[in-house]
Protein backbone atom coordinates (compact mmCIF):
# COMPACT_ATOMS: atom_id res chain seq x y z
CA MET A 1 126.11 132.88 64.11
CA SER A 2 122.43 133.89 63.06
CA ASP A 3 119.94 135.85 62.06
CA ALA A 4 117.84 136.20 64.86
CA ALA A 5 116.01 139.27 66.36
CA PRO A 6 118.19 140.99 68.50
CA PRO A 7 116.57 141.15 72.57
CA SER A 8 115.56 145.07 72.99
CA LEU A 9 116.94 147.19 75.77
CA ASP A 10 114.73 148.36 78.54
CA PRO A 11 113.90 152.01 78.97
CA PRO A 12 115.03 153.82 81.83
CA SER A 13 112.89 153.39 85.11
CA GLY A 14 111.36 156.60 86.78
CA ASP A 15 112.70 160.30 85.86
CA PRO A 16 115.92 161.55 87.42
CA PRO A 17 115.81 164.48 89.47
CA PRO A 18 116.03 167.81 88.17
CA GLY A 19 119.91 168.23 86.82
CA ALA A 20 120.43 164.62 87.69
CA PRO A 21 122.12 161.80 85.60
CA ALA A 22 119.36 159.67 84.54
CA PRO A 23 119.95 155.89 86.19
CA ALA A 24 120.82 153.02 84.04
CA SER A 25 118.35 150.46 83.17
CA GLY A 26 117.86 147.58 85.98
CA ARG A 27 118.36 145.38 83.01
CA TRP A 28 122.65 145.72 83.24
CA ALA A 29 122.23 145.52 86.87
CA LEU A 30 124.71 142.09 86.44
CA THR A 31 127.55 140.49 87.98
CA VAL A 32 130.44 139.67 86.42
CA ALA A 33 129.94 136.43 86.26
CA GLN A 34 126.31 137.24 84.62
CA ALA A 35 127.65 139.41 81.90
CA ARG A 36 129.76 136.74 81.14
CA GLU A 37 127.21 134.67 80.05
CA ARG A 38 124.99 137.29 78.84
CA GLN A 39 127.73 137.79 76.58
CA GLN A 40 128.10 134.17 75.62
CA ALA A 41 124.42 134.14 74.71
CA LEU A 42 124.21 137.06 72.47
CA ARG A 43 127.31 136.39 70.50
CA ALA A 44 125.17 133.79 68.95
CA GLN A 45 122.67 136.18 67.60
CA LEU A 46 125.90 137.99 65.81
CA VAL A 47 126.47 137.90 62.10
CA THR A 48 129.54 138.93 60.35
CA VAL A 49 128.81 139.86 57.10
CA PRO A 50 126.90 142.98 55.89
CA PRO A 51 123.47 143.02 54.46
CA PRO A 52 123.20 142.70 50.75
CA GLY A 53 123.95 145.61 48.70
CA PHE A 54 125.17 147.41 51.88
CA ALA A 55 125.92 151.00 50.91
CA PRO A 56 125.54 153.30 54.10
CA ARG A 57 124.64 156.38 53.84
CA PHE A 58 124.36 157.71 57.25
CA VAL A 59 126.62 157.05 59.84
CA ALA A 60 127.37 157.54 63.43
CA GLY A 61 129.97 157.72 65.56
CA ALA A 62 129.56 156.52 69.41
CA ASP A 63 131.43 157.76 72.69
CA VAL A 64 131.64 157.88 76.12
CA SER A 65 133.42 160.00 78.19
CA MET A 66 133.62 159.27 81.70
CA GLU A 67 134.55 161.64 84.80
CA ARG A 68 136.93 160.81 86.81
CA PHE A 69 136.45 159.81 89.91
CA LYS A 70 132.82 159.92 89.85
CA HIS A 71 130.22 157.37 88.64
CA TYR A 72 128.80 158.46 85.93
CA GLY A 73 129.56 159.20 82.39
CA TYR A 74 128.07 161.19 79.35
CA ALA A 75 127.35 159.95 75.97
CA ALA A 76 126.89 161.02 72.10
CA LEU A 77 125.94 159.65 69.21
CA VAL A 78 126.88 162.24 66.59
CA VAL A 79 125.21 160.96 62.69
CA ILE A 80 127.21 162.44 59.51
CA ASP A 81 126.63 162.09 55.55
CA LEU A 82 128.76 159.46 54.59
CA HIS A 83 129.03 161.29 51.36
CA THR A 84 129.26 164.94 52.46
CA LEU A 85 130.85 164.10 55.85
CA GLU A 86 128.34 166.78 57.07
CA THR A 87 126.62 166.40 60.38
CA VAL A 88 122.99 165.13 59.79
CA ASP A 89 122.05 164.31 63.68
CA GLU A 90 123.55 164.24 67.04
CA ALA A 91 121.94 163.06 70.45
CA SER A 92 123.48 163.47 74.14
CA ALA A 93 122.82 161.62 77.57
CA ALA A 94 123.80 161.44 81.00
CA ALA A 95 123.65 158.45 83.50
CA GLU A 96 125.15 156.58 86.71
CA LEU A 97 127.72 154.05 85.70
CA ARG A 98 126.35 150.70 87.83
CA PHE A 99 129.01 148.04 85.94
CA PRO A 100 132.35 148.25 87.30
CA TYR A 101 135.34 148.97 85.05
CA VAL A 102 136.35 145.40 84.04
CA PRO A 103 138.25 144.76 81.00
CA GLY A 104 136.65 142.85 78.06
CA TYR A 105 133.30 144.17 79.89
CA LEU A 106 133.22 147.53 78.75
CA SER A 107 129.49 147.48 76.48
CA PHE A 108 128.10 146.40 80.04
CA ARG A 109 129.62 149.73 81.62
CA GLU A 110 128.77 151.88 78.32
CA LEU A 111 125.77 150.49 76.73
CA PRO A 112 123.11 151.78 78.91
CA VAL A 113 123.91 155.33 78.87
CA LEU A 114 124.59 155.15 74.58
CA ASP A 115 121.34 153.38 74.23
CA GLN A 116 119.21 156.67 76.07
CA ALA A 117 121.33 158.95 73.09
CA TRP A 118 120.53 156.28 70.61
CA ARG A 119 117.03 156.63 71.47
CA ALA A 120 116.98 160.04 71.00
CA LEU A 121 118.41 160.07 67.09
CA ARG A 122 115.92 161.73 64.79
CA VAL A 123 117.65 160.31 61.65
CA ARG A 124 118.42 156.31 62.17
CA PRO A 125 121.72 155.38 60.85
CA ASP A 126 122.93 152.81 58.18
CA LEU A 127 125.79 152.55 60.68
CA VAL A 128 127.74 152.65 64.08
CA VAL A 129 131.03 153.10 64.79
CA PHE A 130 131.91 152.32 68.20
CA ASP A 131 135.23 153.83 70.20
CA GLY A 132 136.41 150.79 71.37
CA HIS A 133 136.35 146.69 69.95
CA GLY A 134 133.92 144.56 68.48
CA TYR A 135 135.65 140.96 66.96
CA ALA A 136 138.77 141.55 68.51
CA HIS A 137 138.03 140.64 72.02
CA PRO A 138 138.60 137.58 74.12
CA ARG A 139 135.15 135.81 73.81
CA ARG A 140 134.71 137.60 70.09
CA PHE A 141 131.73 139.77 71.55
CA GLY A 142 133.31 143.65 72.71
CA LEU A 143 131.59 147.11 72.30
CA ALA A 144 130.64 147.20 68.76
CA CYS A 145 128.99 143.63 68.59
CA HIS A 146 126.94 144.32 71.48
CA GLY A 147 126.09 147.59 70.54
CA GLY A 148 124.87 146.36 66.85
CA VAL A 149 123.25 143.31 67.89
CA ALA A 150 121.25 145.10 70.41
CA TRP A 151 120.36 148.06 68.38
CA ASP A 152 119.94 145.54 65.20
CA VAL A 153 122.31 148.07 63.04
CA PRO A 154 125.61 147.20 61.24
CA SER A 155 128.64 148.30 63.21
CA ILE A 156 132.66 148.47 63.32
CA GLY A 157 134.94 148.61 66.57
CA CYS A 158 137.44 151.28 66.04
CA ALA A 159 139.90 151.58 69.34
CA LYS A 160 142.43 153.75 69.70
CA ASN A 161 144.61 151.03 71.46
CA PRO A 162 144.92 147.16 71.21
CA PHE A 163 143.31 145.08 73.10
CA VAL A 164 143.92 141.21 72.17
CA GLY A 165 146.08 139.99 69.95
CA THR A 166 149.52 140.89 68.02
CA HIS A 167 150.44 141.86 64.64
CA GLU A 168 153.48 142.78 62.75
CA PRO A 169 154.99 146.15 62.25
CA VAL A 170 152.51 148.45 60.19
CA GLY A 171 153.95 150.96 57.40
CA ASP A 172 153.87 154.02 57.82
CA GLU A 173 151.44 155.44 54.91
CA ARG A 174 147.56 156.23 55.32
CA GLY A 175 145.80 152.99 54.08
CA ASP A 176 148.93 151.10 55.25
CA THR A 177 147.30 147.85 57.73
CA ARG A 178 148.02 144.84 59.32
CA PRO A 179 146.07 141.83 60.06
CA ILE A 180 145.87 141.04 64.00
CA VAL A 181 145.88 137.85 65.38
CA HIS A 182 144.43 136.43 68.47
CA GLU A 183 144.63 132.35 69.10
CA GLY A 184 145.43 131.58 65.09
CA GLU A 185 142.28 133.69 63.81
CA THR A 186 142.13 136.65 62.35
CA VAL A 187 140.14 139.05 64.80
CA GLY A 188 141.15 142.77 63.28
CA ARG A 189 143.48 145.11 61.56
CA VAL A 190 145.65 147.91 62.44
CA VAL A 191 144.73 150.15 60.42
CA ARG A 192 147.03 153.36 59.73
CA THR A 193 144.35 156.14 58.70
CA ARG A 194 147.21 159.09 58.80
CA THR A 195 150.59 159.12 57.32
CA GLY A 196 152.79 159.12 60.42
CA ALA A 197 149.93 158.80 62.78
CA LYS A 198 149.54 156.55 65.14
CA PRO A 199 147.15 153.18 63.85
CA LEU A 200 143.99 152.60 65.04
CA TYR A 201 142.36 149.16 65.72
CA VAL A 202 139.70 147.84 63.67
CA SER A 203 137.26 145.14 63.87
CA ALA A 204 134.20 144.14 62.46
CA GLY A 205 131.19 144.64 64.65
CA HIS A 206 127.79 143.09 64.08
CA ARG A 207 126.38 142.69 60.29
CA MET A 208 130.07 143.46 59.17
CA ASP A 209 133.14 141.88 57.85
CA LEU A 210 136.87 142.74 58.90
CA PRO A 211 137.30 143.90 54.43
CA THR A 212 134.54 146.19 54.81
CA ALA A 213 135.21 147.74 58.26
CA VAL A 214 138.63 148.69 56.99
CA GLU A 215 137.67 150.52 53.76
CA LEU A 216 134.69 152.20 55.74
CA VAL A 217 137.00 153.06 58.25
CA LEU A 218 139.49 154.67 55.68
CA ARG A 219 136.28 156.45 54.26
CA LEU A 220 135.26 158.39 57.23
CA ALA A 221 139.08 159.53 58.07
CA PRO A 222 140.05 161.63 55.16
CA ARG A 223 141.86 164.18 56.98
CA TYR A 224 142.44 163.32 60.77
CA ARG A 225 143.80 159.83 62.45
CA GLN A 226 139.89 159.50 63.60
CA PRO A 227 137.10 159.10 61.63
CA GLU A 228 134.75 161.60 61.58
CA THR A 229 132.04 159.95 63.30
CA THR A 230 134.61 159.24 66.42
CA ARG A 231 136.27 162.86 66.49
CA ARG A 232 132.55 164.55 66.28
CA ALA A 233 131.55 162.70 69.20
CA HIS A 234 134.71 162.61 71.01
CA MET A 235 134.36 166.33 71.40
CA ARG A 236 130.48 166.16 72.14
CA VAL A 237 130.89 163.97 75.28
CA ASN A 238 133.93 165.84 76.18
CA ASP A 239 132.44 169.26 76.45
CA MET A 240 129.24 167.60 78.22
CA ARG A 241 131.79 166.56 81.01
CA ARG A 242 133.07 169.74 81.16
CA ALA A 243 130.26 171.61 81.65
CA ASP A 244 129.19 168.64 83.95
CA ARG A 245 125.63 168.71 82.98
CA PRO A 246 124.04 166.81 79.38
CA LEU A 247 123.36 168.98 76.41
CA ALA A 248 119.90 169.44 74.96
């Protein structure tokens, strides 16, 4: 893994018709085979330790909601102050989803629309928590890794359901964790964020390690099962989807 500068994402080309979702960037028009090659190439840029003295203040949650039977989705990034848990910024976007749903390639489906929301943020977060997996991925490069490398920001994957690997039963108390092991490697941890609630599946993204990821997810979820970042971003995209239009 290296500290090489990540590739920039191309801006969307052209302006969509009034009221229509913006098209995804042509950069993302890939076949599954091409996406696999891109994934493997970008993985070489993944950094598996946090920046020196890492102490994030502003943390963003990234989420995408997809309209059933339609080919576009709604994305939101909600930034909160980790000290107060107050929302300090948010941005959203809607775009056509051109890449099909294929397990293991979620980033190629969701990142184009998330990138539009990212560019609209006024407060740049110190950390992004993705509603998906990071290192806990067959090729060790899930949504949180890809997004972190693309935006050159520390990132965490925090998913509601498992993807790869196995784990022993996790305790019922908040803070209980167990390692997720895939092909002999610890790729994440299953984490109980609320006593009695279903656990979450946490893995490192970019510029992140697993202990720090688990610690931060627990800090971000003092009351609910989901981190506040994810919970607020999820509410935002669902509001957009129900209204069938992006919010200003």
